Amino acid sequence: MKGRIKRKLLQEQAWQAGAPETTIAPICPLCARPIPPSQRDAHHLVPKSRGGRETAWLHRICHRQLHALISEGELASRYNHVEALLAHPEVARFVQWVKTKPDDFFEKTRKSREKGRRIVG
């Protein structure tokens, strides 16, 4: 599945750019930096488990940070497009930080304390 999604995205981008697939350097819609091939992740804007099909290329670090901060339910209902993701305060703070890093930068992502909390009562 991953290979098919990546090939489809590359074909769409090549068609839009009018360039061969090998010369494409997609831009991360979150941090606006070019994504090297080794750091590309296809992100389902609505999670596959919630019926999502549309994908977007993200830096691996940006993709992992999204899933560390936001649950799949919230991704499906409130944060199912890039503008909404950028409006999330923690994502916006992360994006400001990661914009200053090199394109191939990667660091271990930690899960948000808030994401796993359940309200009992």
N, C-alpha and C. Protein backbone atom coordinates (compact mmCIF):
# COMPACT_ATOMS: atom_id res chain seq x y z
N MET A 1 0.81 -1.20 0.00
CA MET A 1 0.00 0.00 0.00
C MET A 1 0.85 1.26 0.00
N LYS A 2 1.88 1.29 0.84
CA LYS A 2 2.71 2.49 0.93
C LYS A 2 3.32 2.83 -0.41
N GLY A 3 3.80 1.83 -1.12
CA GLY A 3 4.43 2.06 -2.41
C GLY A 3 3.46 2.66 -3.41
N ARG A 4 2.22 2.16 -3.41
CA ARG A 4 1.22 2.66 -4.34
C ARG A 4 0.89 4.12 -4.06
N ILE A 5 0.76 4.47 -2.80
CA ILE A 5 0.45 5.84 -2.41
C ILE A 5 1.59 6.77 -2.83
N LYS A 6 2.82 6.37 -2.55
CA LYS A 6 3.97 7.20 -2.91
C LYS A 6 4.07 7.39 -4.42
N ARG A 7 3.86 6.31 -5.18
CA ARG A 7 3.92 6.42 -6.64
C ARG A 7 2.84 7.36 -7.16
N LYS A 8 1.65 7.25 -6.59
CA LYS A 8 0.56 8.11 -7.03
C LYS A 8 0.88 9.58 -6.75
N LEU A 9 1.39 9.87 -5.56
CA LEU A 9 1.75 11.25 -5.23
C LEU A 9 2.85 11.77 -6.15
N LEU A 10 3.84 10.96 -6.40
CA LEU A 10 4.92 11.37 -7.30
C LEU A 10 4.41 11.64 -8.70
N GLN A 11 3.52 10.80 -9.19
CA GLN A 11 2.96 11.00 -10.52
C GLN A 11 2.16 12.29 -10.60
N GLU A 12 1.34 12.55 -9.57
CA GLU A 12 0.55 13.78 -9.55
C GLU A 12 1.44 15.01 -9.53
N GLN A 13 2.48 14.98 -8.71
CA GLN A 13 3.38 16.11 -8.60
C GLN A 13 4.17 16.30 -9.88
N ALA A 14 4.58 15.21 -10.52
CA ALA A 14 5.32 15.30 -11.78
C ALA A 14 4.43 15.89 -12.86
N TRP A 15 3.19 15.48 -12.91
CA TRP A 15 2.26 16.01 -13.90
C TRP A 15 2.04 17.50 -13.68
N GLN A 16 1.85 17.91 -12.41
CA GLN A 16 1.62 19.32 -12.11
C GLN A 16 2.85 20.16 -12.43
N ALA A 17 4.02 19.64 -12.14
CA ALA A 17 5.25 20.39 -12.35
C ALA A 17 5.76 20.28 -13.79
N GLY A 18 5.29 19.26 -14.50
CA GLY A 18 5.76 19.06 -15.87
C GLY A 18 7.19 18.58 -15.91
N ALA A 19 7.64 17.91 -14.85
CA ALA A 19 9.02 17.45 -14.76
C ALA A 19 9.04 15.94 -14.52
N PRO A 20 10.16 15.28 -14.84
CA PRO A 20 10.28 13.85 -14.54
C PRO A 20 10.22 13.60 -13.03
N GLU A 21 9.78 12.42 -12.63
CA GLU A 21 9.62 12.09 -11.21
C GLU A 21 10.91 12.23 -10.40
N THR A 22 12.03 11.95 -11.01
CA THR A 22 13.29 11.92 -10.27
C THR A 22 13.77 13.31 -9.85
N THR A 23 13.28 14.37 -10.49
CA THR A 23 13.77 15.70 -10.16
C THR A 23 12.86 16.45 -9.17
N ILE A 24 11.81 15.79 -8.69
CA ILE A 24 10.85 16.45 -7.81
C ILE A 24 11.36 16.45 -6.38
N ALA A 25 11.30 17.60 -5.75
CA ALA A 25 11.58 17.71 -4.32
C ALA A 25 10.33 18.32 -3.69
N PRO A 26 9.41 17.47 -3.21
CA PRO A 26 8.17 18.01 -2.66
C PRO A 26 8.44 18.92 -1.46
N ILE A 27 7.54 19.85 -1.25
CA ILE A 27 7.64 20.80 -0.15
C ILE A 27 6.65 20.36 0.93
N CYS A 28 7.10 20.32 2.17
CA CYS A 28 6.23 19.96 3.30
C CYS A 28 5.20 21.07 3.50
N PRO A 29 3.91 20.75 3.48
CA PRO A 29 2.90 21.79 3.65
C PRO A 29 2.87 22.39 5.05
N LEU A 30 3.48 21.72 6.02
CA LEU A 30 3.52 22.27 7.38
C LEU A 30 4.68 23.23 7.57
N CYS A 31 5.90 22.76 7.31
CA CYS A 31 7.07 23.59 7.60
C CYS A 31 7.63 24.32 6.38
N ALA A 32 7.10 24.02 5.19
CA ALA A 32 7.49 24.68 3.94
C ALA A 32 8.96 24.46 3.58
N ARG A 33 9.53 23.34 4.00
CA ARG A 33 10.90 22.99 3.63
C ARG A 33 10.87 21.85 2.62
N PRO A 34 11.84 21.76 1.70
CA PRO A 34 11.91 20.62 0.78
C PRO A 34 12.10 19.32 1.55
N ILE A 35 11.47 18.26 1.08
CA ILE A 35 11.54 16.96 1.77
C ILE A 35 12.49 16.04 1.02
N PRO A 36 13.63 15.66 1.63
CA PRO A 36 14.52 14.71 0.97
C PRO A 36 13.85 13.33 0.89
N PRO A 37 14.20 12.53 -0.11
CA PRO A 37 13.56 11.21 -0.27
C PRO A 37 13.60 10.34 0.99
N SER A 38 14.65 10.41 1.76
CA SER A 38 14.77 9.57 2.96
C SER A 38 13.87 10.04 4.10
N GLN A 39 13.31 11.23 4.01
CA GLN A 39 12.50 11.78 5.10
C GLN A 39 11.03 11.97 4.71
N ARG A 40 10.57 11.36 3.61
CA ARG A 40 9.20 11.53 3.14
C ARG A 40 8.25 10.53 3.80
N ASP A 41 7.14 11.04 4.29
CA ASP A 41 6.05 10.21 4.79
C ASP A 41 4.75 10.69 4.16
N ALA A 42 3.91 9.76 3.74
CA ALA A 42 2.60 10.11 3.21
C ALA A 42 1.63 10.15 4.39
N HIS A 43 1.02 11.29 4.62
CA HIS A 43 0.08 11.48 5.74
C HIS A 43 -1.35 11.49 5.20
N HIS A 44 -2.21 10.63 5.76
CA HIS A 44 -3.63 10.66 5.43
C HIS A 44 -4.25 11.81 6.20
N LEU A 45 -4.81 12.79 5.49
CA LEU A 45 -5.41 13.94 6.15
C LEU A 45 -6.56 13.52 7.06
N VAL A 46 -7.36 12.57 6.63
CA VAL A 46 -8.31 11.88 7.49
C VAL A 46 -7.73 10.48 7.64
N PRO A 47 -7.51 9.98 8.87
CA PRO A 47 -6.87 8.66 9.05
C PRO A 47 -7.59 7.55 8.27
N LYS A 48 -6.82 6.59 7.76
CA LYS A 48 -7.39 5.47 7.02
C LYS A 48 -8.42 4.74 7.84
N SER A 49 -8.20 4.63 9.14
CA SER A 49 -9.14 3.93 10.01
C SER A 49 -10.49 4.65 10.09
N ARG A 50 -10.53 5.92 9.68
CA ARG A 50 -11.76 6.71 9.67
C ARG A 50 -12.27 6.95 8.25
N GLY A 51 -11.75 6.17 7.30
CA GLY A 51 -12.23 6.25 5.93
C GLY A 51 -11.49 7.23 5.03
N GLY A 52 -10.36 7.75 5.49
CA GLY A 52 -9.61 8.73 4.71
C GLY A 52 -8.86 8.11 3.54
N ARG A 53 -8.77 8.87 2.45
CA ARG A 53 -8.02 8.43 1.27
C ARG A 53 -7.01 9.47 0.81
N GLU A 54 -7.32 10.74 1.02
CA GLU A 54 -6.45 11.82 0.54
C GLU A 54 -5.17 11.87 1.38
N THR A 55 -4.03 11.97 0.69
CA THR A 55 -2.74 12.01 1.37
C THR A 55 -1.95 13.24 0.97
N ALA A 56 -0.98 13.57 1.81
CA ALA A 56 -0.06 14.68 1.53
C ALA A 56 1.32 14.26 2.01
N TRP A 57 2.36 14.68 1.29
CA TRP A 57 3.74 14.42 1.72
C TRP A 57 4.08 15.32 2.90
N LEU A 58 4.70 14.76 3.92
CA LEU A 58 5.22 15.52 5.06
C LEU A 58 6.62 15.03 5.37
N HIS A 59 7.41 15.88 6.03
CA HIS A 59 8.67 15.41 6.61
C HIS A 59 8.32 14.34 7.64
N ARG A 60 9.17 13.37 7.78
CA ARG A 60 8.93 12.31 8.76
C ARG A 60 8.77 12.90 10.17
N ILE A 61 9.60 13.88 10.52
CA ILE A 61 9.52 14.47 11.86
C ILE A 61 8.20 15.23 12.04
N CYS A 62 7.74 15.92 11.01
CA CYS A 62 6.45 16.64 11.09
C CYS A 62 5.30 15.65 11.22
N HIS A 63 5.36 14.57 10.45
CA HIS A 63 4.31 13.55 10.48
C HIS A 63 4.22 12.90 11.86
N ARG A 64 5.35 12.51 12.39
CA ARG A 64 5.34 11.86 13.71
C ARG A 64 4.88 12.82 14.80
N GLN A 65 5.24 14.07 14.67
CA GLN A 65 4.83 15.06 15.68
C GLN A 65 3.31 15.24 15.66
N LEU A 66 2.72 15.26 14.47
CA LEU A 66 1.25 15.37 14.38
C LEU A 66 0.57 14.25 15.14
N HIS A 67 1.04 13.02 14.89
CA HIS A 67 0.41 11.87 15.54
C HIS A 67 0.73 11.80 17.03
N ALA A 68 1.82 12.41 17.45
CA ALA A 68 2.13 12.45 18.88
C ALA A 68 1.25 13.47 19.61
N LEU A 69 0.82 14.50 18.91
CA LEU A 69 0.04 15.58 19.54
C LEU A 69 -1.47 15.40 19.41
N ILE A 70 -1.92 14.82 18.31
CA ILE A 70 -3.35 14.82 17.99
C ILE A 70 -3.85 13.39 17.79
N SER A 71 -4.97 13.06 18.41
CA SER A 71 -5.54 11.71 18.28
C SER A 71 -6.16 11.54 16.90
N GLU A 72 -6.41 10.28 16.52
CA GLU A 72 -7.00 10.02 15.21
C GLU A 72 -8.41 10.59 15.12
N GLY A 73 -9.15 10.56 16.19
CA GLY A 73 -10.49 11.13 16.19
C GLY A 73 -10.48 12.62 15.92
N GLU A 74 -9.54 13.32 16.57
CA GLU A 74 -9.41 14.76 16.34
C GLU A 74 -8.91 15.06 14.92
N LEU A 75 -7.99 14.23 14.41
CA LEU A 75 -7.50 14.41 13.04
C LEU A 75 -8.66 14.27 12.05
N ALA A 76 -9.55 13.31 12.30
CA ALA A 76 -10.66 13.08 11.39
C ALA A 76 -11.70 14.19 11.46
N SER A 77 -11.99 14.68 12.67
CA SER A 77 -13.09 15.63 12.81
C SER A 77 -12.67 17.09 12.69
N ARG A 78 -11.58 17.49 13.35
CA ARG A 78 -11.22 18.91 13.39
C ARG A 78 -9.99 19.28 12.58
N TYR A 79 -9.04 18.39 12.46
CA TYR A 79 -7.75 18.73 11.85
C TYR A 79 -7.52 17.94 10.56
N ASN A 80 -8.50 17.96 9.65
CA ASN A 80 -8.41 17.15 8.45
C ASN A 80 -7.95 17.93 7.21
N HIS A 81 -7.35 19.11 7.43
CA HIS A 81 -6.70 19.83 6.35
C HIS A 81 -5.54 20.64 6.94
N VAL A 82 -4.61 21.02 6.08
CA VAL A 82 -3.35 21.63 6.52
C VAL A 82 -3.57 22.92 7.31
N GLU A 83 -4.51 23.76 6.88
CA GLU A 83 -4.76 25.03 7.57
C GLU A 83 -5.19 24.80 9.02
N ALA A 84 -6.04 23.78 9.23
CA ALA A 84 -6.49 23.47 10.59
C ALA A 84 -5.33 22.94 11.42
N LEU A 85 -4.46 22.14 10.83
CA LEU A 85 -3.29 21.63 11.56
C LEU A 85 -2.39 22.78 12.00
N LEU A 86 -2.17 23.73 11.09
CA LEU A 86 -1.31 24.87 11.42
C LEU A 86 -1.93 25.78 12.47
N ALA A 87 -3.26 25.73 12.63
CA ALA A 87 -3.94 26.55 13.64
C ALA A 87 -3.85 25.93 15.03
N HIS A 88 -3.51 24.64 15.12
CA HIS A 88 -3.34 23.97 16.41
C HIS A 88 -2.14 24.60 17.11
N PRO A 89 -2.29 25.07 18.36
CA PRO A 89 -1.19 25.81 19.01
C PRO A 89 0.10 25.01 19.16
N GLU A 90 0.02 23.73 19.51
CA GLU A 90 1.24 22.93 19.68
C GLU A 90 1.91 22.64 18.34
N VAL A 91 1.11 22.42 17.31
CA VAL A 91 1.67 22.19 15.97
C VAL A 91 2.35 23.46 15.48
N ALA A 92 1.71 24.59 15.68
CA ALA A 92 2.29 25.87 15.25
C ALA A 92 3.63 26.11 15.96
N ARG A 93 3.68 25.82 17.24
CA ARG A 93 4.93 25.98 18.00
C ARG A 93 6.02 25.06 17.47
N PHE A 94 5.65 23.80 17.18
CA PHE A 94 6.60 22.85 16.62
C PHE A 94 7.11 23.32 15.26
N VAL A 95 6.20 23.79 14.40
CA VAL A 95 6.57 24.24 13.06
C VAL A 95 7.56 25.41 13.14
N GLN A 96 7.33 26.35 14.02
CA GLN A 96 8.26 27.48 14.18
C GLN A 96 9.66 26.98 14.57
N TRP A 97 9.71 25.96 15.41
CA TRP A 97 10.99 25.40 15.84
C TRP A 97 11.67 24.63 14.71
N VAL A 98 10.92 23.77 14.01
CA VAL A 98 11.53 22.89 13.01
C VAL A 98 11.93 23.65 11.74
N LYS A 99 11.33 24.79 11.47
CA LYS A 99 11.70 25.58 10.28
C LYS A 99 13.16 25.99 10.28
N THR A 100 13.76 26.07 11.46
CA THR A 100 15.15 26.50 11.57
C THR A 100 16.14 25.35 11.38
N LYS A 101 15.63 24.13 11.23
CA LYS A 101 16.49 22.94 11.11
C LYS A 101 16.78 22.62 9.64
N PRO A 102 17.86 21.86 9.39
CA PRO A 102 18.15 21.44 8.01
C PRO A 102 17.04 20.53 7.47
N ASP A 103 16.93 20.42 6.15
CA ASP A 103 15.86 19.64 5.53
C ASP A 103 15.85 18.18 5.96
N ASP A 104 17.04 17.60 6.19
CA ASP A 104 17.11 16.18 6.54
C ASP A 104 17.19 15.95 8.05
N PHE A 105 16.86 16.95 8.84
CA PHE A 105 16.91 16.85 10.31
C PHE A 105 15.86 15.86 10.79
N PHE A 106 16.25 15.01 11.76
CA PHE A 106 15.30 14.10 12.40
C PHE A 106 15.69 13.92 13.85
N GLU A 107 14.71 13.89 14.71
CA GLU A 107 14.92 13.68 16.14
C GLU A 107 13.77 12.83 16.65
N LYS A 108 14.03 12.07 17.68
CA LYS A 108 12.98 11.22 18.27
C LYS A 108 11.81 12.08 18.73
N THR A 109 10.59 11.62 18.46
CA THR A 109 9.38 12.34 18.83
C THR A 109 8.81 11.75 20.10
N ARG A 110 8.39 12.62 21.00
CA ARG A 110 7.78 12.17 22.25
C ARG A 110 6.28 12.43 22.22
N LYS A 111 5.53 11.51 22.81
CA LYS A 111 4.09 11.63 22.85
C LYS A 111 3.66 12.76 23.77
N SER A 112 2.64 13.49 23.39
CA SER A 112 2.11 14.58 24.19
C SER A 112 1.50 14.04 25.48
N ARG A 113 1.67 14.74 26.58
CA ARG A 113 1.05 14.34 27.85
C ARG A 113 -0.46 14.46 27.77
N GLU A 114 -0.93 15.44 27.02
CA GLU A 114 -2.37 15.70 26.92
C GLU A 114 -3.09 14.66 26.06
N LYS A 115 -2.42 14.08 25.09
CA LYS A 115 -3.09 13.19 24.15
C LYS A 115 -3.64 11.95 24.85
N GLY A 116 -2.91 11.38 25.77
CA GLY A 116 -3.31 10.13 26.40
C GLY A 116 -4.22 10.29 27.59
N ARG A 117 -4.49 11.48 28.03
CA ARG A 117 -5.31 11.66 29.23
C ARG A 117 -6.78 11.41 28.95
N ARG A 118 -7.40 10.72 29.90
CA ARG A 118 -8.84 10.50 29.82
C ARG A 118 -9.52 11.24 30.95
N ILE A 119 -10.67 11.77 30.66
CA ILE A 119 -11.44 12.46 31.69
C ILE A 119 -12.36 11.45 32.34
N VAL A 120 -12.19 11.25 33.62
CA VAL A 120 -13.01 10.30 34.37
C VAL A 120 -13.98 11.09 35.23
N GLY A 121 -15.21 10.68 35.19
CA GLY A 121 -16.14 11.41 36.07
C GLY A 121 -17.51 11.38 35.69
